[in-house]
Amino acid sequence: MIETKKLDCGIRIVMEQIPHVQSVALGIWVKAGSVDETTNISGISHFIEHMMFKGTNQRSAKKIAEDVDRIGGQINAFTGREATCYYMKTLSSNAEEAAEILLDMFLNSTFDEEEMNKEKKVIYEEMKMIEDTPDDYAHEMISDLIFKGSIYENSIIGTRDTLKGISRSILKQYVDQEYTRDSIVISIAGNVEMDKMCQFFEGRLKHLKAEKAHKPYRDQAYEPRFQVKVKEIEQTHICMGTRGLPLEDENYYALALLSNIMGGSMSSRLFQNIREQKGLAYSVYSHASSYVKSGYYNIYAGVSHDKIAEAIQGIKEELELLKTQGITEDELHVAKEQLKASYIFGQENVNGRMFSTGKNSILLDRIYTPEEVIGEIDRVTMEDMKKASSLIHNIENYSAVMVTNKEWDLKQLMQA
């Protein structure tokens, strides 16, 4: 059973009680991410997430780690385009201790200047890791191209220049402006009592600013773009993508199912054609990502340098077949079973439950029960799939990037 309660200060607590487990996952969600950043402070949300682990008024970074270990906890955080989440999983008997550690970090982090300088170096290394992982780099590049001119174009990690310019005063000002009571949701899943957790959190967050300023949605008309990054690597990494659908679009599940049919499994069309039949790639897949206001669909393939043109042609063939022949009833049935299984598997642990309720609450201001999600998947029709197909089957609508060993005219390759 999922319950939602509002504390006296206005912050929402969403909790799913699961009596048969002996664990609990707690997450503090903030509706603040790269979409809230201006160009000059790109990456600040991610930087703050790192700094929350670097010490509070009463705990050093080491003491935070030791206290988490002392209660058998697992602590982590992540930053996205639209939200940041700080979370911990532990034994149900240690739920309040876990909540106290999370809250201490969330409310009392000192943002020490010396620690900030050290953590900037850590993030610089994280940037190098992405750049040295060419498939990750390709995914970053395609997202940037697809959302050019949109609020979603900002890099989550930022750049070396923007990170360098973020001072302690700028960081604290951003926290004050964005970490407001109307932008926070506490999500809990596990074997704990709702009333007990509400009593713990009541009054502890009331000093935070009530509301954050409204930011208008920014976008510009999408047009295909192309980019090639030359690196000394042994394999070419190709990403081809186009605009998709927002989270609450009526065809959201149809596009998710279509992505599964195209490149979501070993029996998918792209896998069977590009890998199994043509032997061009070890890794080839597609996925659809959605945000509150927009989304994108992306196809990835890692191929030999001398197989680039052949791989792109194979992907174009599959898109043309989708356009001219559509999909079969059997493909839709299989995709539904796969999507339902993937969703249910993710719900069979407390972290999965906490992530699901927390994300829906912070971004959409509502909860989708497992029954609702399964129902939405089952209700997708062949007509819905045709509508979803119209979004992705035209190669003319695709942007593309390559991380490879020499310069290519990628636009010409895509349009050949």
Protein backbone atom coordinates (compact mmCIF):
# COMPACT_ATOMS: atom_id res chain seq x y z
CA MET A 1 0.00 0.00 0.00
CA ILE A 2 1.33 3.43 -0.98
CA GLU A 3 0.55 6.39 1.27
CA THR A 4 1.26 10.07 0.75
CA LYS A 5 1.27 12.54 3.62
CA LYS A 6 2.20 16.19 3.81
CA LEU A 7 4.23 17.47 6.74
CA ASP A 8 3.21 20.71 8.42
CA CYS A 9 5.95 22.50 6.47
CA GLY A 10 4.45 21.29 3.16
CA ILE A 11 7.02 18.64 2.23
CA ARG A 12 5.51 15.39 0.99
CA ILE A 13 6.39 11.95 2.29
CA VAL A 14 5.53 9.03 0.03
CA MET A 15 5.79 5.61 1.61
CA GLU A 16 5.12 2.07 0.49
CA GLN A 17 4.96 -0.30 3.42
CA ILE A 18 6.22 -3.79 2.56
CA PRO A 19 5.70 -5.95 5.68
CA HIS A 20 7.38 -9.12 4.39
CA VAL A 21 10.88 -7.58 4.02
CA GLN A 22 13.41 -6.66 6.71
CA SER A 23 14.92 -3.71 4.87
CA VAL A 24 14.05 -0.12 4.03
CA ALA A 25 15.11 2.35 1.35
CA LEU A 26 14.90 6.07 2.06
CA GLY A 27 15.38 8.78 -0.55
CA ILE A 28 15.37 12.56 -0.35
CA TRP A 29 14.43 13.84 -3.79
CA VAL A 30 14.96 17.41 -4.96
CA LYS A 31 13.45 18.81 -8.13
CA ALA A 32 16.76 20.37 -9.16
CA GLY A 33 19.02 19.25 -11.97
CA SER A 34 20.76 20.46 -15.09
CA VAL A 35 17.52 22.01 -16.43
CA ASP A 36 17.67 24.51 -13.56
CA GLU A 37 21.18 25.69 -14.37
CA THR A 38 22.37 28.64 -16.40
CA THR A 39 25.25 28.12 -18.81
CA ASN A 40 27.84 29.71 -16.51
CA ILE A 41 27.07 27.28 -13.65
CA SER A 42 26.52 24.14 -15.72
CA GLY A 43 27.21 21.09 -13.54
CA ILE A 44 26.47 22.75 -10.20
CA SER A 45 23.64 20.33 -9.29
CA HIS A 46 26.00 17.39 -9.78
CA PHE A 47 28.76 19.19 -7.84
CA ILE A 48 26.40 19.78 -4.89
CA GLU A 49 25.48 16.09 -4.91
CA HIS A 50 29.18 15.24 -4.50
CA MET A 51 29.70 17.85 -1.79
CA MET A 52 26.86 16.52 0.35
CA PHE A 53 29.15 13.58 1.20
CA LYS A 54 32.14 15.73 2.18
CA GLY A 55 31.24 16.63 5.76
CA THR A 56 28.66 18.34 7.97
CA ASN A 57 28.83 20.43 11.13
CA GLN A 58 29.06 17.25 13.20
CA ARG A 59 30.41 14.61 10.81
CA SER A 60 33.50 14.48 8.63
CA ALA A 61 33.34 12.67 5.30
CA LYS A 62 34.98 9.69 6.98
CA LYS A 63 32.50 9.79 9.89
CA ILE A 64 29.58 9.76 7.43
CA ALA A 65 30.98 6.61 5.84
CA GLU A 66 31.66 4.99 9.23
CA ASP A 67 28.17 5.76 10.55
CA VAL A 68 26.58 4.30 7.42
CA ASP A 69 28.68 1.13 7.82
CA ARG A 70 27.77 0.94 11.50
CA ILE A 71 24.10 0.42 10.65
CA GLY A 72 24.79 -1.90 7.71
CA GLY A 73 23.71 0.75 5.26
CA GLN A 74 24.37 1.40 1.59
CA ILE A 75 24.37 5.09 0.69
CA ASN A 76 24.53 6.82 -2.67
CA ALA A 77 23.12 9.66 -4.76
CA PHE A 78 22.57 10.63 -8.38
CA THR A 79 21.89 13.76 -10.37
CA GLY A 80 19.68 13.85 -13.46
CA ARG A 81 18.42 16.52 -15.78
CA GLU A 82 15.33 17.19 -13.69
CA ALA A 83 16.03 15.89 -10.18
CA THR A 84 18.66 14.89 -7.64
CA CYS A 85 18.24 12.02 -5.17
CA TYR A 86 20.15 11.14 -1.98
CA TYR A 87 19.29 7.67 -0.76
CA MET A 88 20.17 4.87 1.62
CA LYS A 89 19.17 1.26 2.08
CA THR A 90 19.49 -0.43 5.45
CA LEU A 91 17.78 -2.79 7.91
CA SER A 92 14.28 -1.80 8.95
CA SER A 93 15.44 -1.65 12.58
CA ASN A 94 17.90 1.10 11.61
CA ALA A 95 15.50 3.26 9.60
CA GLU A 96 15.62 6.29 11.90
CA GLU A 97 19.41 6.20 12.14
CA ALA A 98 19.61 6.13 8.34
CA ALA A 99 17.16 9.03 8.07
CA GLU A 100 19.20 11.05 10.59
CA ILE A 101 22.42 10.57 8.58
CA LEU A 102 20.71 11.54 5.32
CA LEU A 103 19.12 14.61 6.88
CA ASP A 104 22.38 15.69 8.47
CA MET A 105 24.07 15.60 5.06
CA PHE A 106 21.12 17.26 3.37
CA LEU A 107 20.72 20.12 5.85
CA ASN A 108 24.11 20.62 7.49
CA SER A 109 26.79 20.08 4.85
CA THR A 110 29.51 22.70 5.36
CA PHE A 111 30.71 22.94 1.74
CA ASP A 112 34.25 23.47 2.98
CA GLU A 113 36.34 25.35 0.40
CA GLU A 114 39.30 22.99 0.71
CA GLU A 115 36.98 20.00 0.20
CA MET A 116 35.37 21.78 -2.76
CA ASN A 117 38.74 22.19 -4.46
CA LYS A 118 39.56 18.51 -3.89
CA GLU A 119 36.16 17.38 -5.17
CA LYS A 120 36.51 19.48 -8.31
CA LYS A 121 39.61 17.42 -9.09
CA VAL A 122 37.56 14.25 -8.56
CA ILE A 123 34.93 15.48 -11.03
CA TYR A 124 37.64 16.42 -13.53
CA GLU A 125 38.68 12.76 -13.36
CA GLU A 126 35.05 11.73 -13.84
CA MET A 127 34.97 13.89 -16.99
CA LYS A 128 38.13 12.18 -18.26
CA MET A 129 36.56 8.78 -17.56
CA ILE A 130 33.54 9.67 -19.73
CA GLU A 131 35.80 10.98 -22.50
CA ASP A 132 37.90 7.81 -22.29
CA THR A 133 34.77 5.63 -22.50
CA PRO A 134 33.76 6.26 -26.12
CA ASP A 135 30.28 4.74 -25.95
CA ASP A 136 29.40 6.95 -22.95
CA TYR A 137 30.90 9.91 -24.80
CA ALA A 138 28.77 9.17 -27.87
CA HIS A 139 25.60 9.06 -25.76
CA GLU A 140 26.49 12.42 -24.19
CA MET A 141 27.09 13.92 -27.63
CA ILE A 142 23.82 12.69 -29.19
CA SER A 143 21.78 14.03 -26.28
CA ASP A 144 23.47 17.43 -26.65
CA LEU A 145 22.64 17.55 -30.37
CA ILE A 146 19.02 16.44 -30.03
CA PHE A 147 18.24 18.97 -27.31
CA LYS A 148 20.20 21.91 -28.74
CA GLY A 149 18.42 25.10 -27.71
CA SER A 150 16.29 23.30 -25.12
CA ILE A 151 16.48 23.33 -21.33
CA TYR A 152 17.63 19.72 -21.68
CA GLU A 153 20.84 20.60 -23.56
CA ASN A 154 22.84 21.37 -20.40
CA SER A 155 25.40 18.71 -19.50
CA ILE A 156 24.72 17.10 -16.11
CA ILE A 157 28.42 16.99 -15.23
CA GLY A 158 29.18 20.44 -16.65
CA THR A 159 32.52 21.50 -18.12
CA ARG A 160 35.95 22.13 -16.67
CA ASP A 161 35.51 25.90 -17.10
CA THR A 162 32.07 26.09 -15.47
CA LEU A 163 33.12 23.86 -12.58
CA LYS A 164 36.23 25.93 -12.01
CA GLY A 165 34.11 29.08 -11.68
CA ILE A 166 31.73 27.73 -9.02
CA SER A 167 32.62 29.30 -5.66
CA ARG A 168 31.28 28.42 -2.22
CA SER A 169 28.98 31.45 -2.24
CA ILE A 170 27.54 30.51 -5.65
CA LEU A 171 27.02 26.92 -4.50
CA LYS A 172 25.26 27.96 -1.28
CA GLN A 173 23.08 30.45 -3.16
CA TYR A 174 22.00 27.73 -5.59
CA VAL A 175 21.11 25.37 -2.72
CA ASP A 176 19.09 28.13 -1.06
CA GLN A 177 17.19 28.88 -4.28
CA GLU A 178 16.59 25.31 -5.51
CA TYR A 179 16.40 23.13 -2.38
CA THR A 180 13.02 24.52 -1.36
CA ARG A 181 10.13 22.84 0.43
CA ASP A 182 7.92 22.75 -2.65
CA SER A 183 10.73 20.96 -4.52
CA ILE A 184 11.40 18.14 -2.03
CA VAL A 185 9.84 14.70 -1.70
CA ILE A 186 10.87 12.06 0.84
CA SER A 187 10.31 8.58 -0.56
CA ILE A 188 10.38 5.47 1.64
CA ALA A 189 9.83 1.80 0.84
CA GLY A 190 10.13 -1.14 3.21
CA ASN A 191 9.06 -2.53 6.54
CA VAL A 192 8.60 0.68 8.53
CA GLU A 193 5.65 2.60 9.97
CA MET A 194 4.49 5.70 8.13
CA ASP A 195 3.46 7.59 11.29
CA LYS A 196 6.81 6.91 12.92
CA MET A 197 8.76 8.25 9.93
CA CYS A 198 6.50 11.31 9.64
CA GLN A 199 7.13 12.07 13.31
CA PHE A 200 10.86 11.84 12.71
CA PHE A 201 10.89 14.27 9.77
CA GLU A 202 8.26 16.69 11.13
CA GLY A 203 9.77 20.07 11.95
CA ARG A 204 13.28 19.29 10.71
CA LEU A 205 12.90 20.93 7.30
CA LYS A 206 10.65 23.87 8.09
CA HIS A 207 13.48 26.42 7.95
CA LEU A 208 14.03 25.82 4.23
CA LYS A 209 12.73 28.39 1.77
CA ALA A 210 9.09 27.69 0.87
CA GLU A 211 9.16 27.99 -2.92
CA LYS A 212 11.58 28.35 -5.77
CA ALA A 213 11.16 30.73 -8.65
CA HIS A 214 9.32 29.47 -11.72
CA LYS A 215 11.50 29.01 -14.81
CA PRO A 216 9.86 29.22 -18.23
CA TYR A 217 10.27 26.25 -20.55
CA ARG A 218 12.89 26.94 -23.21
CA ASP A 219 13.11 25.09 -26.53
CA GLN A 220 13.69 25.65 -30.21
CA ALA A 221 12.54 23.75 -33.26
CA TYR A 222 14.41 20.47 -33.57
CA GLU A 223 16.59 19.90 -36.62
CA PRO A 224 19.02 17.04 -37.33
CA ARG A 225 22.67 17.71 -36.46
CA PHE A 226 25.84 15.71 -36.98
CA GLN A 227 29.13 15.49 -35.11
CA VAL A 228 32.29 13.36 -35.32
CA LYS A 229 34.84 13.10 -32.52
CA VAL A 230 38.23 11.69 -33.54
CA LYS A 231 40.08 9.61 -30.94
CA GLU A 232 42.71 6.88 -31.07
CA ILE A 233 40.40 3.93 -30.42
CA GLU A 234 39.96 0.44 -31.82
CA GLN A 235 36.24 0.62 -32.54
CA THR A 236 33.77 3.21 -33.88
CA HIS A 237 30.82 4.15 -31.68
CA ILE A 238 27.71 5.35 -33.49
CA CYS A 239 24.64 7.00 -31.98
CA MET A 240 21.63 8.00 -34.05
CA GLY A 241 18.73 9.75 -32.35
CA THR A 242 15.64 11.90 -32.72
CA ARG A 243 13.11 13.62 -30.49
CA GLY A 244 10.76 11.30 -28.61
CA LEU A 245 7.97 11.75 -26.08
CA PRO A 246 7.52 13.27 -22.60
CA LEU A 247 6.71 11.09 -19.59
CA GLU A 248 2.95 11.58 -19.60
CA ASP A 249 2.34 11.43 -23.34
CA GLU A 250 -0.46 9.07 -24.30
CA ASN A 251 1.94 7.15 -26.55
CA TYR A 252 4.73 6.86 -23.96
CA TYR A 253 4.28 3.10 -23.50
CA ALA A 254 3.83 2.51 -27.23
CA LEU A 255 7.23 4.09 -27.91
CA ALA A 256 8.80 2.07 -25.08
CA LEU A 257 7.41 -1.11 -26.62
CA LEU A 258 8.56 -0.11 -30.10
CA SER A 259 12.07 0.58 -28.77
CA ASN A 260 12.07 -2.92 -27.31
CA ILE A 261 11.04 -4.41 -30.66
CA MET A 262 13.70 -2.44 -32.51
CA GLY A 263 16.64 -2.90 -30.16
CA GLY A 264 15.73 -3.96 -26.65
CA SER A 265 16.65 -7.64 -26.61
CA MET A 266 18.55 -10.42 -28.35
CA SER A 267 15.53 -11.14 -30.56
CA SER A 268 15.10 -7.47 -31.52
CA ARG A 269 15.32 -6.37 -35.13
CA LEU A 270 18.53 -4.38 -34.85
CA PHE A 271 20.31 -7.11 -32.88
CA GLN A 272 19.27 -9.82 -35.32
CA ASN A 273 20.19 -7.80 -38.42
CA ILE A 274 23.32 -5.90 -37.39
CA ARG A 275 24.89 -8.53 -35.12
CA GLU A 276 23.48 -11.95 -35.91
CA GLN A 277 22.98 -11.72 -39.70
CA LYS A 278 25.64 -9.22 -40.75
CA GLY A 279 28.15 -9.74 -37.92
CA LEU A 280 28.91 -6.02 -37.78
CA ALA A 281 28.66 -5.28 -34.05
CA TYR A 282 29.03 -6.88 -30.67
CA SER A 283 26.79 -4.28 -29.05
CA VAL A 284 23.76 -2.79 -30.82
CA TYR A 285 20.57 -1.58 -29.16
CA SER A 286 18.03 1.22 -28.91
CA HIS A 287 16.30 2.98 -26.04
CA ALA A 288 13.70 5.68 -25.45
CA SER A 289 14.28 8.25 -22.70
CA SER A 290 11.58 10.61 -21.45
CA TYR A 291 11.48 13.77 -19.35
CA VAL A 292 8.61 15.95 -18.13
CA LYS A 293 8.51 18.12 -21.26
CA SER A 294 10.34 16.12 -23.92
CA GLY A 295 12.22 12.94 -24.73
CA TYR A 296 14.40 11.20 -27.31
CA TYR A 297 14.91 7.89 -29.06
CA ASN A 298 18.45 6.64 -29.62
CA ILE A 299 20.10 3.80 -31.55
CA TYR A 300 23.65 2.74 -30.66
CA ALA A 301 26.14 0.43 -32.40
CA GLY A 302 29.82 -0.27 -31.78
CA VAL A 303 31.49 -1.44 -35.02
CA SER A 304 34.87 -1.87 -36.72
CA HIS A 305 36.21 1.25 -38.41
CA ASP A 306 35.85 -0.36 -41.83
CA LYS A 307 32.21 -1.33 -41.23
CA ILE A 308 30.76 2.10 -40.47
CA ALA A 309 28.91 2.64 -43.76
CA GLU A 310 27.59 -0.93 -43.74
CA ALA A 311 26.31 -0.62 -40.17
CA ILE A 312 24.57 2.69 -40.82
CA GLN A 313 22.99 1.21 -43.93
CA GLY A 314 21.75 -1.78 -41.93
CA ILE A 315 20.12 0.51 -39.36
CA LYS A 316 18.51 2.53 -42.15
CA GLU A 317 17.16 -0.70 -43.65
CA GLU A 318 15.43 -1.58 -40.37
CA LEU A 319 13.90 1.89 -40.08
CA GLU A 320 12.63 1.64 -43.67
CA LEU A 321 11.10 -1.79 -42.95
CA LEU A 322 9.41 -0.33 -39.91
CA LYS A 323 8.03 2.47 -42.07
CA THR A 324 6.77 0.28 -44.92
CA GLN A 325 5.73 -2.91 -43.11
CA GLY A 326 5.14 -1.90 -39.50
CA ILE A 327 5.24 -4.52 -36.76
CA THR A 328 3.36 -7.77 -36.16
CA GLU A 329 0.85 -8.66 -33.47
CA ASP A 330 3.29 -11.28 -32.21
CA GLU A 331 6.09 -8.73 -31.87
CA LEU A 332 3.81 -6.49 -29.84
CA HIS A 333 2.79 -9.39 -27.57
CA VAL A 334 6.42 -10.37 -26.92
CA ALA A 335 7.43 -6.76 -26.26
CA LYS A 336 4.60 -6.34 -23.76
CA GLU A 337 5.71 -9.42 -21.82
CA GLN A 338 9.32 -8.20 -21.81
CA LEU A 339 8.42 -4.68 -20.68
CA LYS A 340 6.14 -5.97 -17.93
CA ALA A 341 8.80 -8.40 -16.73
CA SER A 342 11.46 -5.68 -16.68
CA TYR A 343 9.19 -3.39 -14.69
CA ILE A 344 8.16 -6.09 -12.19
CA PHE A 345 11.76 -7.25 -11.67
CA GLY A 346 12.68 -3.68 -10.82
CA GLN A 347 9.85 -3.50 -8.29
CA GLU A 348 10.96 -6.61 -6.40
CA ASN A 349 13.37 -4.74 -4.13
CA VAL A 350 12.93 -1.77 -1.83
CA ASN A 351 15.28 0.47 -3.81
CA GLY A 352 13.24 -0.09 -6.97
CA ARG A 353 10.01 0.77 -5.16
CA MET A 354 11.52 3.89 -3.61
CA PHE A 355 12.92 5.09 -6.95
CA SER A 356 9.59 4.56 -8.70
CA THR A 357 7.41 6.40 -6.18
CA GLY A 358 9.98 9.12 -5.61
CA LYS A 359 10.51 9.89 -9.29
CA ASN A 360 6.80 9.96 -10.07
CA SER A 361 6.06 12.17 -7.07
CA ILE A 362 8.81 14.72 -7.65
CA LEU A 363 8.39 15.01 -11.43
CA LEU A 364 4.71 14.27 -12.05
CA ASP A 365 3.13 14.98 -8.67
CA ARG A 366 1.35 11.64 -8.68
CA ILE A 367 1.93 7.93 -8.02
CA TYR A 368 1.52 5.16 -10.56
CA THR A 369 0.77 1.81 -8.92
CA PRO A 370 2.18 -1.39 -10.43
CA GLU A 371 -1.35 -2.33 -11.47
CA GLU A 372 -1.72 0.95 -13.38
CA VAL A 373 1.61 0.53 -15.16
CA ILE A 374 0.85 -3.05 -16.20
CA GLY A 375 -2.61 -1.94 -17.34
CA GLU A 376 -1.16 0.86 -19.47
CA ILE A 377 1.24 -1.58 -21.14
CA ASP A 378 -1.51 -4.10 -21.84
CA ARG A 379 -3.78 -1.44 -23.34
CA VAL A 380 -1.36 -0.46 -26.13
CA THR A 381 -2.89 -1.26 -29.52
CA MET A 382 -1.48 -1.77 -33.01
CA GLU A 383 -2.85 1.66 -33.90
CA ASP A 384 -0.89 3.16 -31.00
CA MET A 385 2.23 1.46 -32.35
CA LYS A 386 1.71 3.08 -35.75
CA LYS A 387 1.64 6.50 -34.09
CA ALA A 388 4.84 5.71 -32.21
CA SER A 389 6.45 4.42 -35.38
CA SER A 390 5.79 7.71 -37.16
CA LEU A 391 8.10 9.39 -34.62
CA ILE A 392 11.14 7.25 -35.36
CA HIS A 393 10.97 5.57 -38.76
CA ASN A 394 12.13 8.52 -40.92
CA ILE A 395 15.92 8.60 -41.16
CA GLU A 396 15.68 12.25 -42.29
CA ASN A 397 14.72 13.18 -38.70
CA TYR A 398 17.81 11.65 -37.09
CA SER A 399 20.81 13.42 -35.65
CA ALA A 400 23.98 11.32 -35.50
CA VAL A 401 27.35 11.24 -33.79
CA MET A 402 30.43 9.06 -34.12
CA VAL A 403 33.46 8.59 -31.93
CA THR A 404 35.98 7.11 -34.31
CA ASN A 405 39.61 7.15 -35.46
CA LYS A 406 39.39 9.61 -38.37
CA GLU A 407 37.21 12.32 -39.86
CA TRP A 408 34.06 11.31 -41.73
CA ASP A 409 31.31 13.21 -43.53
CA LEU A 410 28.64 11.78 -41.25
CA LYS A 411 25.82 13.86 -42.74
CA GLN A 412 26.57 12.41 -46.19
CA LEU A 413 26.70 8.88 -44.76
CA MET A 414 23.31 9.34 -43.11
CA GLN A 415 21.71 10.80 -46.23
CA ALA A 416 23.27 8.44 -48.77
